[in-house]
Amino acid sequence: MTNTLVAYYSLTGNTKKIANEISKVIGSNLFEITVAADTFPNGMFETADVAKEQRKTGNLPSLTSHIPEMSSYDKIIVAGPNWSGAVATPVVSFLKDIQGFAEQIISINTSVGQNDNLYNEDFREQANDLNVVLTVNNDAEKAIDYLK
């Protein structure tokens, strides 16, 4: 399924693992959403505070990764961590940068089961006019099944 892109942001490696698994199984391209190394502190709670401030002020982190040409894809799987029931700010930056993409978006959030419904609502809100067809919580198999 080379017409599918798996785009992911991973601070600790958990989301990267799921994104790699999905990409391997479906044979898609893989894109890592990156920001400057000093954007977030090391601690989870400190990172959450920084992200809340970024969202409050609208001063989202700039991406350091170059977004691939979107016209060659008909699906984008966007994988990102659930930060207190909200989309991680680097993922929000990515969603803003791809606003012209008219094809299908699938969201996968990685969390410990906290506030998944809030995350899914926030993802749809942050996606704005993007065509979000599925939101999945911590379940690569569900996304893979949808694509089959």
N, C-alpha and C. Protein backbone atom coordinates (compact mmCIF):
# COMPACT_ATOMS: atom_id res chain seq x y z
N MET A 1 0.83 -1.19 0.00
CA MET A 1 0.00 0.00 0.00
C MET A 1 0.86 1.25 0.00
N THR A 2 1.64 1.43 -1.03
CA THR A 2 2.52 2.58 -1.08
C THR A 2 1.76 3.89 -1.21
N ASN A 3 0.46 3.82 -1.43
CA ASN A 3 -0.33 5.05 -1.48
C ASN A 3 -0.77 5.48 -0.08
N THR A 4 -0.24 4.83 0.94
CA THR A 4 -0.52 5.18 2.33
C THR A 4 0.76 5.66 2.99
N LEU A 5 0.64 6.72 3.75
CA LEU A 5 1.76 7.25 4.53
C LEU A 5 1.45 7.07 6.00
N VAL A 6 2.40 6.55 6.75
CA VAL A 6 2.29 6.51 8.20
C VAL A 6 3.18 7.64 8.73
N ALA A 7 2.54 8.66 9.28
CA ALA A 7 3.26 9.80 9.86
C ALA A 7 3.12 9.70 11.38
N TYR A 8 4.25 9.86 12.08
CA TYR A 8 4.17 9.69 13.53
C TYR A 8 5.08 10.67 14.25
N TYR A 9 4.68 10.99 15.46
CA TYR A 9 5.52 11.73 16.39
C TYR A 9 5.66 10.85 17.62
N SER A 10 6.91 10.69 18.08
CA SER A 10 7.14 9.85 19.25
C SER A 10 8.19 10.51 20.14
N LEU A 11 7.82 10.79 21.36
CA LEU A 11 8.77 11.39 22.30
C LEU A 11 9.56 10.32 23.04
N THR A 12 8.90 9.20 23.36
CA THR A 12 9.57 8.17 24.17
C THR A 12 9.85 6.88 23.41
N GLY A 13 9.35 6.74 22.21
CA GLY A 13 9.59 5.52 21.44
C GLY A 13 8.38 4.61 21.31
N ASN A 14 7.36 4.79 22.15
CA ASN A 14 6.17 3.92 22.09
C ASN A 14 5.42 4.08 20.77
N THR A 15 5.19 5.31 20.37
CA THR A 15 4.46 5.56 19.12
C THR A 15 5.28 5.12 17.92
N LYS A 16 6.57 5.31 17.98
CA LYS A 16 7.47 4.89 16.89
C LYS A 16 7.34 3.39 16.64
N LYS A 17 7.27 2.63 17.73
CA LYS A 17 7.16 1.18 17.63
C LYS A 17 5.86 0.78 16.90
N ILE A 18 4.75 1.40 17.26
CA ILE A 18 3.46 1.10 16.63
C ILE A 18 3.47 1.55 15.16
N ALA A 19 4.02 2.72 14.89
CA ALA A 19 4.08 3.23 13.51
C ALA A 19 4.91 2.31 12.62
N ASN A 20 6.04 1.85 13.15
CA ASN A 20 6.88 0.92 12.38
C ASN A 20 6.15 -0.39 12.10
N GLU A 21 5.44 -0.89 13.09
CA GLU A 21 4.69 -2.14 12.93
C GLU A 21 3.64 -2.00 11.83
N ILE A 22 2.88 -0.92 11.88
CA ILE A 22 1.83 -0.70 10.88
C ILE A 22 2.46 -0.57 9.49
N SER A 23 3.50 0.23 9.39
CA SER A 23 4.15 0.45 8.10
C SER A 23 4.67 -0.84 7.49
N LYS A 24 5.27 -1.68 8.31
CA LYS A 24 5.77 -2.98 7.82
C LYS A 24 4.65 -3.86 7.30
N VAL A 25 3.58 -3.97 8.08
CA VAL A 25 2.48 -4.87 7.72
C VAL A 25 1.78 -4.42 6.44
N ILE A 26 1.56 -3.12 6.29
CA ILE A 26 0.80 -2.65 5.12
C ILE A 26 1.71 -2.22 3.97
N GLY A 27 3.02 -2.20 4.19
CA GLY A 27 3.95 -1.83 3.13
C GLY A 27 3.87 -0.37 2.74
N SER A 28 3.71 0.50 3.73
CA SER A 28 3.56 1.93 3.46
C SER A 28 4.87 2.67 3.65
N ASN A 29 4.87 3.91 3.24
CA ASN A 29 5.97 4.81 3.55
C ASN A 29 5.82 5.28 4.99
N LEU A 30 6.95 5.61 5.60
CA LEU A 30 6.98 6.02 6.99
C LEU A 30 7.60 7.41 7.07
N PHE A 31 6.97 8.30 7.85
CA PHE A 31 7.46 9.66 8.01
C PHE A 31 7.46 10.02 9.48
N GLU A 32 8.62 10.41 10.00
CA GLU A 32 8.72 10.83 11.39
C GLU A 32 8.54 12.35 11.49
N ILE A 33 7.58 12.76 12.30
CA ILE A 33 7.35 14.17 12.59
C ILE A 33 8.36 14.57 13.66
N THR A 34 9.22 15.52 13.35
CA THR A 34 10.25 15.91 14.31
C THR A 34 10.21 17.41 14.59
N VAL A 35 10.67 17.76 15.78
CA VAL A 35 10.83 19.15 16.19
C VAL A 35 12.23 19.29 16.76
N ALA A 36 12.67 20.52 16.98
CA ALA A 36 14.00 20.75 17.54
C ALA A 36 14.17 19.98 18.85
N ALA A 37 15.35 19.45 19.05
CA ALA A 37 15.63 18.60 20.22
C ALA A 37 15.35 19.28 21.55
N ASP A 38 15.49 20.59 21.62
CA ASP A 38 15.30 21.30 22.89
C ASP A 38 13.87 21.82 23.08
N THR A 39 12.92 21.34 22.27
CA THR A 39 11.54 21.82 22.35
C THR A 39 10.87 21.42 23.65
N PHE A 40 11.13 20.19 24.10
CA PHE A 40 10.48 19.68 25.31
C PHE A 40 11.51 19.23 26.33
N PRO A 41 11.20 19.42 27.62
CA PRO A 41 12.08 18.91 28.68
C PRO A 41 11.98 17.39 28.77
N ASN A 42 12.80 16.79 29.59
CA ASN A 42 12.82 15.33 29.71
C ASN A 42 11.63 14.75 30.46
N GLY A 43 11.11 15.43 31.43
CA GLY A 43 10.05 14.89 32.28
C GLY A 43 8.67 14.95 31.63
N MET A 44 7.86 13.92 31.88
CA MET A 44 6.52 13.83 31.30
C MET A 44 5.64 15.00 31.75
N PHE A 45 5.66 15.33 33.03
CA PHE A 45 4.79 16.39 33.54
C PHE A 45 5.25 17.76 33.04
N GLU A 46 6.56 17.96 32.96
CA GLU A 46 7.09 19.21 32.44
C GLU A 46 6.74 19.36 30.96
N THR A 47 6.83 18.27 30.22
CA THR A 47 6.47 18.29 28.80
C THR A 47 4.99 18.65 28.64
N ALA A 48 4.14 18.07 29.48
CA ALA A 48 2.71 18.38 29.43
C ALA A 48 2.47 19.86 29.67
N ASP A 49 3.20 20.44 30.62
CA ASP A 49 3.06 21.87 30.91
C ASP A 49 3.48 22.72 29.71
N VAL A 50 4.58 22.37 29.07
CA VAL A 50 5.05 23.10 27.90
C VAL A 50 4.02 23.00 26.78
N ALA A 51 3.50 21.80 26.55
CA ALA A 51 2.51 21.59 25.48
C ALA A 51 1.23 22.39 25.76
N LYS A 52 0.78 22.41 27.00
CA LYS A 52 -0.41 23.19 27.35
C LYS A 52 -0.19 24.68 27.05
N GLU A 53 0.98 25.17 27.38
CA GLU A 53 1.31 26.57 27.11
C GLU A 53 1.37 26.83 25.60
N GLN A 54 1.94 25.90 24.84
CA GLN A 54 2.00 26.05 23.38
C GLN A 54 0.59 26.15 22.80
N ARG A 55 -0.28 25.29 23.27
CA ARG A 55 -1.66 25.31 22.75
C ARG A 55 -2.39 26.59 23.16
N LYS A 56 -2.17 27.00 24.41
CA LYS A 56 -2.85 28.20 24.93
C LYS A 56 -2.44 29.44 24.14
N THR A 57 -1.16 29.56 23.83
CA THR A 57 -0.65 30.75 23.13
C THR A 57 -0.72 30.60 21.61
N GLY A 58 -0.92 29.38 21.13
CA GLY A 58 -0.91 29.14 19.69
C GLY A 58 0.49 29.11 19.11
N ASN A 59 1.48 29.11 19.99
CA ASN A 59 2.88 29.07 19.58
C ASN A 59 3.33 27.61 19.47
N LEU A 60 2.84 26.93 18.45
CA LEU A 60 3.13 25.52 18.25
C LEU A 60 4.56 25.33 17.76
N PRO A 61 5.16 24.17 18.05
CA PRO A 61 6.53 23.94 17.60
C PRO A 61 6.59 23.81 16.08
N SER A 62 7.66 24.35 15.51
CA SER A 62 7.91 24.19 14.07
C SER A 62 8.48 22.79 13.84
N LEU A 63 8.10 22.22 12.72
CA LEU A 63 8.62 20.89 12.38
C LEU A 63 10.01 21.03 11.77
N THR A 64 10.90 20.12 12.15
CA THR A 64 12.24 20.09 11.55
C THR A 64 12.31 19.06 10.44
N SER A 65 11.32 18.22 10.34
CA SER A 65 11.26 17.23 9.26
C SER A 65 10.53 17.83 8.07
N HIS A 66 10.96 17.45 6.87
CA HIS A 66 10.35 17.96 5.64
C HIS A 66 9.19 17.05 5.25
N ILE A 67 7.99 17.61 5.20
CA ILE A 67 6.79 16.82 4.88
C ILE A 67 6.86 16.38 3.42
N PRO A 68 6.64 15.08 3.18
CA PRO A 68 6.70 14.59 1.80
C PRO A 68 5.54 15.14 0.96
N GLU A 69 5.66 15.00 -0.34
CA GLU A 69 4.61 15.43 -1.26
C GLU A 69 3.35 14.61 -0.98
N MET A 70 2.28 15.28 -0.59
CA MET A 70 1.06 14.60 -0.17
C MET A 70 0.23 14.07 -1.35
N SER A 71 0.42 14.61 -2.53
CA SER A 71 -0.44 14.22 -3.66
C SER A 71 -0.26 12.76 -4.07
N SER A 72 0.81 12.11 -3.63
CA SER A 72 1.00 10.71 -3.99
C SER A 72 0.32 9.74 -3.03
N TYR A 73 -0.40 10.27 -2.04
CA TYR A 73 -1.05 9.42 -1.05
C TYR A 73 -2.57 9.58 -1.08
N ASP A 74 -3.27 8.47 -0.80
CA ASP A 74 -4.72 8.58 -0.64
C ASP A 74 -5.15 8.30 0.79
N LYS A 75 -4.18 7.96 1.63
CA LYS A 75 -4.45 7.77 3.07
C LYS A 75 -3.22 8.19 3.85
N ILE A 76 -3.47 8.84 4.98
CA ILE A 76 -2.39 9.13 5.92
C ILE A 76 -2.82 8.62 7.28
N ILE A 77 -2.01 7.77 7.85
CA ILE A 77 -2.21 7.33 9.23
C ILE A 77 -1.35 8.25 10.08
N VAL A 78 -1.98 8.96 11.02
CA VAL A 78 -1.26 9.89 11.88
C VAL A 78 -1.23 9.28 13.28
N ALA A 79 -0.03 8.92 13.72
CA ALA A 79 0.14 8.31 15.04
C ALA A 79 0.84 9.29 15.97
N GLY A 80 0.28 9.42 17.17
CA GLY A 80 0.88 10.33 18.12
C GLY A 80 0.48 10.01 19.54
N PRO A 81 1.26 10.50 20.49
CA PRO A 81 0.96 10.24 21.90
C PRO A 81 -0.22 11.09 22.39
N ASN A 82 -0.93 10.53 23.34
CA ASN A 82 -2.04 11.20 24.01
C ASN A 82 -1.45 11.95 25.19
N TRP A 83 -1.47 13.29 25.11
CA TRP A 83 -0.95 14.11 26.20
C TRP A 83 -2.11 14.73 26.95
N SER A 84 -2.50 14.08 28.04
CA SER A 84 -3.58 14.58 28.91
C SER A 84 -4.89 14.77 28.16
N GLY A 85 -5.20 13.81 27.29
CA GLY A 85 -6.44 13.87 26.53
C GLY A 85 -6.37 14.79 25.33
N ALA A 86 -5.18 15.20 24.94
CA ALA A 86 -5.01 16.12 23.81
C ALA A 86 -3.94 15.59 22.85
N VAL A 87 -4.02 16.08 21.64
CA VAL A 87 -3.06 15.72 20.61
C VAL A 87 -1.73 16.41 20.92
N ALA A 88 -0.63 15.67 20.82
CA ALA A 88 0.70 16.26 21.03
C ALA A 88 0.90 17.42 20.07
N THR A 89 1.49 18.50 20.55
CA THR A 89 1.60 19.71 19.74
C THR A 89 2.40 19.52 18.45
N PRO A 90 3.41 18.66 18.38
CA PRO A 90 4.05 18.45 17.07
C PRO A 90 3.07 17.84 16.05
N VAL A 91 2.16 17.00 16.51
CA VAL A 91 1.15 16.43 15.62
C VAL A 91 0.17 17.52 15.17
N VAL A 92 -0.17 18.42 16.08
CA VAL A 92 -1.04 19.55 15.72
C VAL A 92 -0.37 20.39 14.63
N SER A 93 0.92 20.65 14.78
CA SER A 93 1.67 21.39 13.75
C SER A 93 1.60 20.67 12.41
N PHE A 94 1.78 19.36 12.42
CA PHE A 94 1.70 18.56 11.20
C PHE A 94 0.31 18.68 10.56
N LEU A 95 -0.73 18.55 11.37
CA LEU A 95 -2.09 18.64 10.85
C LEU A 95 -2.35 20.01 10.21
N LYS A 96 -1.83 21.05 10.82
CA LYS A 96 -1.99 22.40 10.25
C LYS A 96 -1.24 22.50 8.91
N ASP A 97 -0.07 21.87 8.83
CA ASP A 97 0.75 21.96 7.63
C ASP A 97 0.17 21.18 6.44
N ILE A 98 -0.72 20.22 6.70
CA ILE A 98 -1.27 19.41 5.60
C ILE A 98 -2.74 19.73 5.33
N GLN A 99 -3.21 20.90 5.70
CA GLN A 99 -4.63 21.23 5.58
C GLN A 99 -5.21 21.08 4.19
N GLY A 100 -4.43 21.14 3.13
CA GLY A 100 -4.98 20.99 1.78
C GLY A 100 -5.21 19.54 1.37
N PHE A 101 -4.77 18.59 2.19
CA PHE A 101 -4.90 17.17 1.85
C PHE A 101 -6.36 16.76 1.90
N ALA A 102 -6.87 16.22 0.78
CA ALA A 102 -8.31 15.94 0.67
C ALA A 102 -8.68 14.47 0.88
N GLU A 103 -7.68 13.62 1.01
CA GLU A 103 -7.96 12.18 1.12
C GLU A 103 -8.17 11.77 2.59
N GLN A 104 -8.12 10.47 2.85
CA GLN A 104 -8.46 9.93 4.17
C GLN A 104 -7.34 10.08 5.20
N ILE A 105 -7.76 10.42 6.41
CA ILE A 105 -6.86 10.50 7.56
C ILE A 105 -7.35 9.50 8.60
N ILE A 106 -6.41 8.72 9.13
CA ILE A 106 -6.70 7.78 10.22
C ILE A 106 -5.81 8.18 11.39
N SER A 107 -6.39 8.32 12.56
CA SER A 107 -5.65 8.70 13.75
C SER A 107 -5.44 7.50 14.66
N ILE A 108 -4.21 7.36 15.13
CA ILE A 108 -3.92 6.36 16.17
C ILE A 108 -3.22 7.10 17.30
N ASN A 109 -3.81 7.00 18.50
CA ASN A 109 -3.13 7.60 19.64
C ASN A 109 -2.58 6.51 20.53
N THR A 110 -1.43 6.80 21.09
CA THR A 110 -0.81 5.87 22.02
C THR A 110 -0.96 6.47 23.41
N SER A 111 -1.55 5.72 24.28
CA SER A 111 -1.76 6.19 25.63
C SER A 111 -1.84 4.99 26.55
N VAL A 112 -2.06 5.27 27.80
CA VAL A 112 -2.28 4.22 28.78
C VAL A 112 -3.75 4.13 29.11
N GLY A 113 -4.59 4.49 28.15
CA GLY A 113 -6.03 4.39 28.33
C GLY A 113 -6.65 5.59 29.00
N GLN A 114 -5.91 6.68 29.06
CA GLN A 114 -6.42 7.86 29.73
C GLN A 114 -6.99 8.85 28.72
N ASN A 115 -8.21 9.21 28.90
CA ASN A 115 -8.84 10.27 28.10
C ASN A 115 -8.82 10.01 26.61
N ASP A 116 -8.98 8.75 26.19
CA ASP A 116 -8.95 8.44 24.76
C ASP A 116 -10.05 9.16 23.99
N ASN A 117 -11.24 9.23 24.56
CA ASN A 117 -12.33 9.92 23.86
C ASN A 117 -12.05 11.40 23.71
N LEU A 118 -11.46 12.02 24.74
CA LEU A 118 -11.08 13.43 24.63
C LEU A 118 -10.04 13.61 23.54
N TYR A 119 -9.07 12.70 23.47
CA TYR A 119 -8.04 12.77 22.43
C TYR A 119 -8.69 12.69 21.05
N ASN A 120 -9.59 11.74 20.86
CA ASN A 120 -10.23 11.56 19.56
C ASN A 120 -11.01 12.81 19.15
N GLU A 121 -11.71 13.40 20.10
CA GLU A 121 -12.43 14.65 19.82
C GLU A 121 -11.46 15.77 19.47
N ASP A 122 -10.37 15.86 20.23
CA ASP A 122 -9.38 16.90 19.97
C ASP A 122 -8.72 16.68 18.61
N PHE A 123 -8.44 15.43 18.26
CA PHE A 123 -7.82 15.16 16.96
C PHE A 123 -8.72 15.66 15.84
N ARG A 124 -10.00 15.34 15.91
CA ARG A 124 -10.94 15.79 14.87
C ARG A 124 -11.01 17.31 14.82
N GLU A 125 -10.97 17.95 15.98
CA GLU A 125 -11.00 19.41 16.01
C GLU A 125 -9.72 19.99 15.41
N GLN A 126 -8.57 19.45 15.79
CA GLN A 126 -7.30 19.95 15.28
C GLN A 126 -7.14 19.66 13.78
N ALA A 127 -7.77 18.59 13.32
CA ALA A 127 -7.70 18.23 11.90
C ALA A 127 -8.46 19.23 11.03
N ASN A 128 -9.37 19.96 11.64
CA ASN A 128 -10.12 21.01 10.97
C ASN A 128 -10.86 20.43 9.76
N ASP A 129 -10.45 20.77 8.55
CA ASP A 129 -11.15 20.33 7.34
C ASP A 129 -10.64 19.01 6.77
N LEU A 130 -9.69 18.38 7.43
CA LEU A 130 -9.18 17.10 6.94
C LEU A 130 -10.24 16.02 7.09
N ASN A 131 -10.20 15.02 6.23
CA ASN A 131 -11.20 13.95 6.18
C ASN A 131 -10.80 12.80 7.13
N VAL A 132 -11.11 12.95 8.40
CA VAL A 132 -10.79 11.92 9.40
C VAL A 132 -11.85 10.83 9.32
N VAL A 133 -11.43 9.63 8.91
CA VAL A 133 -12.38 8.53 8.72
C VAL A 133 -12.36 7.53 9.87
N LEU A 134 -11.31 7.55 10.70
CA LEU A 134 -11.21 6.59 11.79
C LEU A 134 -10.26 7.12 12.85
N THR A 135 -10.64 6.93 14.12
CA THR A 135 -9.74 7.20 15.23
C THR A 135 -9.60 5.90 16.02
N VAL A 136 -8.35 5.56 16.33
CA VAL A 136 -8.03 4.30 16.98
C VAL A 136 -7.19 4.59 18.22
N ASN A 137 -7.48 3.87 19.29
CA ASN A 137 -6.74 4.05 20.53
C ASN A 137 -5.85 2.84 20.81
N ASN A 138 -4.55 3.02 20.67
CA ASN A 138 -3.58 1.99 21.05
C ASN A 138 -3.80 0.64 20.38
N ASP A 139 -4.25 0.62 19.16
CA ASP A 139 -4.59 -0.65 18.52
C ASP A 139 -4.21 -0.63 17.04
N ALA A 140 -2.98 -1.01 16.75
CA ALA A 140 -2.49 -1.03 15.38
C ALA A 140 -3.31 -1.98 14.52
N GLU A 141 -3.73 -3.09 15.10
CA GLU A 141 -4.49 -4.10 14.33
C GLU A 141 -5.80 -3.53 13.79
N LYS A 142 -6.46 -2.69 14.56
CA LYS A 142 -7.73 -2.11 14.10
C LYS A 142 -7.50 -1.24 12.87
N ALA A 143 -6.44 -0.46 12.87
CA ALA A 143 -6.11 0.38 11.71
C ALA A 143 -5.76 -0.49 10.51
N ILE A 144 -4.99 -1.53 10.76
CA ILE A 144 -4.60 -2.44 9.67
C ILE A 144 -5.82 -3.13 9.09
N ASP A 145 -6.72 -3.59 9.94
CA ASP A 145 -7.96 -4.23 9.46
C ASP A 145 -8.78 -3.28 8.61
N TYR A 146 -8.85 -2.01 9.02
CA TYR A 146 -9.60 -1.01 8.26
C TYR A 146 -9.01 -0.87 6.85
N LEU A 147 -7.71 -0.92 6.75
CA LEU A 147 -7.04 -0.72 5.47
C LEU A 147 -7.16 -1.93 4.54
N LYS A 148 -7.48 -3.08 5.08
CA LYS A 148 -7.55 -4.30 4.25
C LYS A 148 -8.81 -4.36 3.45
